[in-house]
Amino acid sequence: MFPRINNRKAISAVLTTIIILVASIVLGTGVVVYSTSLFQSGGQQQAVQIQGLKTWVNATNLAGVGWGGVAIKNTGDKLLSVSSITVRGAAVPFTNWYADTNTTRASQNFQAQFNYTKNDGSGNLKGSVATGAGVIVDSGGGCVQSATMIVIQETPLSTNNEPACLKLQSGPVALSPGFSAIIYYKLPAGLLTPSDSGVPSTVGFLAGSAPISQTVRIANP
C-alpha cells in the first residue's frame, strides 16, 4: 500500500505576479532616490580660499609668544566651518581664536596687509585702534577693545577700510557660501622662539571636509 501524499498549497500565479510587481517598484524607487542623492551631492561643492597668511614670533620674549593671521573665504556653494588650525602640527585651541565674520568688514579686509601690533605682558595681542575705552563706529555696530575683542586697523589705511573687530571664539567659525572671515590666533606657548624668525613653517586649516596647508616664513615684527 502506497503512503498517502499530502497536497501542499502553492502560491497562486496572480499573487506571484503581484509580489514581483511590488518588488520591481520598490527597487526602481530606490535607484531613483540614490541617483538623485548623488546628483545633489555632486552639484554642491566645498571650496575655500585663504589669503594673507601670516605667522609672527615675538622678537624679545624667550618664552615663545607667537601669533598668526589669515583671511578665509567660502568660495563653494555649501555651508562649512573652519574647525581646525595647526602650526607645525600643533593644534591651536578654539579659545585662542579671534575672528571677525562681519560681511562688510571681512570683505574689505580680505586682501589687507595683516598687522601684528604688539603684545601685552601676558603675550596677548593689543589692538591698534581704541586701545583704551571707546567705541569704533562700523557696519556691525560697535567694536570695543577688551579682553575678548581685539580691534585692529589693517593696512593700507583708508577711510573705506573699517577695522577688523576680532572676537574671541569658543568653537568652529561658520561660513556661508560667498562669506569671509578674518581670523587671528595665538599659538601654543613655547611653539616658537625668537630664533625661529625667518624660518619657513607649515600652517594647516580644516574647512569643511578638505584640509588646506601653506608654508609661510615666520616674521619678526
Protein backbone atom coordinates (compact mmCIF):
# COMPACT_ATOMS: atom_id res chain seq x y z
CA MET A 1 0.00 0.00 0.00
CA PHE A 2 1.39 3.33 -1.09
CA PRO A 3 1.79 6.08 1.54
CA ARG A 4 -0.63 8.94 1.33
CA ILE A 5 0.81 12.10 -0.19
CA ASN A 6 -0.41 15.42 1.32
CA ASN A 7 -1.16 18.15 -1.19
CA ARG A 8 0.57 21.42 -0.31
CA LYS A 9 -0.91 24.71 -1.34
CA ALA A 10 1.30 26.67 -3.75
CA ILE A 11 1.37 30.42 -4.24
CA SER A 12 -1.05 31.30 -6.95
CA ALA A 13 0.19 32.82 -10.20
CA VAL A 14 -1.70 36.06 -9.50
CA LEU A 15 -0.07 36.50 -6.09
CA THR A 16 3.35 35.75 -7.55
CA THR A 17 2.84 38.42 -10.20
CA ILE A 18 1.82 40.99 -7.57
CA ILE A 19 4.92 40.24 -5.47
CA ILE A 20 7.21 40.63 -8.48
CA LEU A 21 5.50 43.87 -9.45
CA VAL A 22 5.80 45.37 -5.94
CA ALA A 23 9.45 44.33 -5.69
CA SER A 24 10.18 45.98 -9.02
CA ILE A 25 8.54 49.23 -7.91
CA VAL A 26 10.48 49.27 -4.62
CA LEU A 27 13.77 48.55 -6.39
CA GLY A 28 13.12 51.20 -9.02
CA THR A 29 12.25 53.81 -6.39
CA GLY A 30 15.47 53.05 -4.51
CA VAL A 31 17.55 53.53 -7.66
CA VAL A 32 15.88 56.88 -8.39
CA VAL A 33 16.38 58.16 -4.83
CA TYR A 34 20.03 57.07 -4.81
CA SER A 35 20.68 58.70 -8.19
CA THR A 36 19.05 61.94 -7.05
CA SER A 37 21.18 61.95 -3.91
CA LEU A 38 24.35 61.52 -5.98
CA PHE A 39 23.29 64.34 -8.30
CA GLN A 40 22.64 66.74 -5.43
CA SER A 41 25.91 65.86 -3.71
CA GLY A 42 27.82 66.33 -6.93
CA GLY A 43 26.19 69.68 -7.57
CA GLN A 44 27.22 71.12 -4.18
CA GLN A 45 30.94 71.75 -3.82
CA GLN A 46 33.06 72.69 -0.82
CA ALA A 47 35.78 75.18 -1.71
CA VAL A 48 37.70 77.78 0.28
CA GLN A 49 40.28 80.44 -0.46
CA ILE A 50 42.86 81.66 2.03
CA GLN A 51 44.62 85.00 1.74
CA GLY A 52 47.35 86.93 3.53
CA LEU A 53 48.54 84.12 5.80
CA LYS A 54 50.96 85.44 8.44
CA THR A 55 52.87 83.91 11.35
CA TRP A 56 54.70 86.10 13.87
CA VAL A 57 57.00 85.43 16.81
CA ASN A 58 57.81 87.99 19.47
CA ALA A 59 61.43 89.08 18.99
CA THR A 60 62.24 89.52 22.67
CA ASN A 61 60.02 87.06 24.54
CA LEU A 62 62.13 83.96 25.15
CA ALA A 63 59.09 82.03 26.40
CA GLY A 64 57.90 81.86 22.82
CA VAL A 65 54.94 84.17 22.15
CA GLY A 66 53.58 83.77 18.65
CA TRP A 67 50.50 84.71 16.66
CA GLY A 68 49.04 84.03 13.25
CA GLY A 69 46.54 85.76 10.99
CA VAL A 70 44.62 84.71 7.89
CA ALA A 71 41.62 85.59 5.74
CA ILE A 72 39.37 82.69 4.71
CA LYS A 73 36.55 82.82 2.15
CA ASN A 74 33.95 80.17 1.37
CA THR A 75 34.03 80.03 -2.44
CA GLY A 76 31.83 76.94 -2.69
CA ASP A 77 28.07 76.58 -2.50
CA LYS A 78 27.76 74.72 0.81
CA LEU A 79 27.82 76.00 4.38
CA LEU A 80 31.09 74.99 6.04
CA SER A 81 33.04 75.65 9.20
CA VAL A 82 36.70 76.33 9.87
CA SER A 83 37.20 73.67 12.52
CA SER A 84 40.96 73.30 12.90
CA ILE A 85 44.15 75.36 12.74
CA THR A 86 47.53 73.70 13.18
CA VAL A 87 51.02 75.21 13.18
CA ARG A 88 53.95 72.82 12.89
CA GLY A 89 51.48 70.02 13.56
CA ALA A 90 50.31 71.51 16.88
CA ALA A 91 46.62 72.34 17.15
CA VAL A 92 45.60 75.85 18.14
CA PRO A 93 42.70 75.62 20.65
CA PHE A 94 39.47 77.46 19.89
CA THR A 95 39.97 79.59 22.99
CA ASN A 96 42.99 81.14 21.22
CA TRP A 97 41.00 82.14 18.11
CA TYR A 98 39.77 85.68 17.44
CA ALA A 99 37.57 86.15 14.37
CA ASP A 100 35.67 88.85 12.50
CA THR A 101 32.85 87.39 10.40
CA ASN A 102 31.03 90.66 9.70
CA THR A 103 30.26 90.62 5.97
CA THR A 104 31.37 94.18 5.22
CA ARG A 105 34.49 94.28 7.38
CA ALA A 106 35.73 90.83 6.37
CA SER A 107 35.23 91.63 2.69
CA GLN A 108 37.06 94.96 2.96
CA ASN A 109 39.97 93.41 4.86
CA PHE A 110 40.21 90.19 2.84
CA GLN A 111 43.26 91.37 0.89
CA ALA A 112 44.65 93.68 3.58
CA GLN A 113 48.16 93.50 4.99
CA PHE A 114 47.60 91.99 8.43
CA ASN A 115 49.27 93.73 11.37
CA TYR A 116 50.87 92.20 14.44
CA THR A 117 50.72 95.39 16.54
CA LYS A 118 52.29 94.36 19.89
CA ASN A 119 51.90 92.14 22.94
CA ASP A 120 50.90 92.96 26.48
CA GLY A 121 52.70 91.43 29.44
CA SER A 122 50.72 88.19 29.11
CA GLY A 123 51.52 87.74 25.44
CA ASN A 124 48.05 88.81 24.32
CA LEU A 125 47.79 90.88 21.18
CA LYS A 126 46.99 94.55 21.69
CA GLY A 127 44.71 96.32 19.28
CA SER A 128 45.97 99.09 17.04
CA VAL A 129 42.68 101.02 17.33
CA ALA A 130 40.88 102.11 20.50
CA THR A 131 43.43 100.50 22.80
CA GLY A 132 41.66 102.10 25.72
CA ALA A 133 37.98 102.61 26.38
CA GLY A 134 35.99 103.73 23.38
CA VAL A 135 33.79 102.61 20.54
CA ILE A 136 34.69 102.24 16.90
CA VAL A 137 31.78 103.10 14.62
CA ASP A 138 31.47 100.40 11.97
CA SER A 139 28.93 98.44 9.94
CA GLY A 140 28.47 95.89 12.70
CA GLY A 141 27.58 98.33 15.47
CA GLY A 142 30.35 98.92 18.00
CA CYS A 143 33.79 97.38 18.36
CA VAL A 144 35.17 97.82 21.86
CA GLN A 145 38.73 96.83 22.66
CA SER A 146 38.61 94.36 25.56
CA ALA A 147 39.94 91.03 26.76
CA THR A 148 37.53 89.26 24.42
CA MET A 149 37.89 91.55 21.40
CA ILE A 150 40.89 92.88 19.51
CA VAL A 151 40.33 95.88 17.26
CA ILE A 152 42.97 96.17 14.55
CA GLN A 153 43.21 98.67 11.71
CA GLU A 154 44.66 96.75 8.79
CA THR A 155 46.73 98.36 6.04
CA PRO A 156 46.53 100.03 3.62
CA LEU A 157 44.80 102.65 5.74
CA SER A 158 41.68 104.04 4.13
CA THR A 159 38.53 105.80 5.22
CA ASN A 160 36.66 103.00 3.46
CA ASN A 161 38.63 100.28 5.20
CA GLU A 162 36.96 99.51 8.51
CA PRO A 163 38.93 97.97 11.37
CA ALA A 164 38.81 94.24 11.99
CA CYS A 165 36.82 93.52 15.15
CA LEU A 166 38.23 90.20 16.24
CA LYS A 167 36.01 88.45 18.77
CA LEU A 168 37.23 85.63 20.99
CA GLN A 169 35.84 82.28 19.81
CA SER A 170 34.80 79.12 21.59
CA GLY A 171 34.25 76.80 18.63
CA PRO A 172 34.45 76.46 14.82
CA VAL A 173 33.90 79.53 12.64
CA ALA A 174 30.93 79.00 10.31
CA LEU A 175 30.97 80.49 6.81
CA SER A 176 28.01 80.68 4.44
CA PRO A 177 28.71 80.45 0.68
CA GLY A 178 30.48 83.60 -0.51
CA PHE A 179 31.24 84.85 3.01
CA SER A 180 34.66 85.62 4.50
CA ALA A 181 36.28 85.73 7.92
CA ILE A 182 39.42 87.30 9.32
CA ILE A 183 40.98 85.05 11.96
CA TYR A 184 43.85 85.81 14.33
CA TYR A 185 45.10 83.06 16.61
CA LYS A 186 47.55 82.85 19.49
CA LEU A 187 49.99 79.97 19.15
CA PRO A 188 50.50 77.45 21.96
CA ALA A 189 53.14 78.65 24.44
CA GLY A 190 56.69 77.72 23.50
CA LEU A 191 55.81 76.53 19.98
CA LEU A 192 58.01 79.28 18.52
CA THR A 193 61.04 81.11 19.88
CA PRO A 194 62.79 84.26 18.64
CA SER A 195 65.35 82.06 16.86
CA ASP A 196 62.57 80.81 14.56
CA SER A 197 62.33 84.21 12.90
CA GLY A 198 62.76 83.83 9.14
CA VAL A 199 62.24 80.06 9.20
CA PRO A 200 59.52 78.59 6.91
CA SER A 201 56.67 76.96 8.80
CA THR A 202 53.64 74.95 7.68
CA VAL A 203 50.17 76.09 8.75
CA GLY A 204 47.18 73.81 8.23
CA PHE A 205 43.46 74.56 8.14
CA LEU A 206 40.45 72.27 8.05
CA ALA A 207 37.45 73.98 6.50
CA GLY A 208 34.59 71.64 5.76
CA SER A 209 35.93 68.25 4.72
CA ALA A 210 39.10 69.27 2.87
CA PRO A 211 42.38 70.15 4.62
CA ILE A 212 44.47 73.07 3.35
CA SER A 213 48.10 73.75 4.17
CA GLN A 214 50.50 76.52 3.29
CA THR A 215 54.09 77.29 4.12
CA VAL A 216 54.82 80.77 5.42
CA ARG A 217 58.04 82.40 6.62
CA ILE A 218 57.87 83.36 10.31
CA ALA A 219 58.03 87.12 10.71
CA ASN A 220 59.74 89.08 13.46
CA PRO A 221 57.73 92.27 13.96
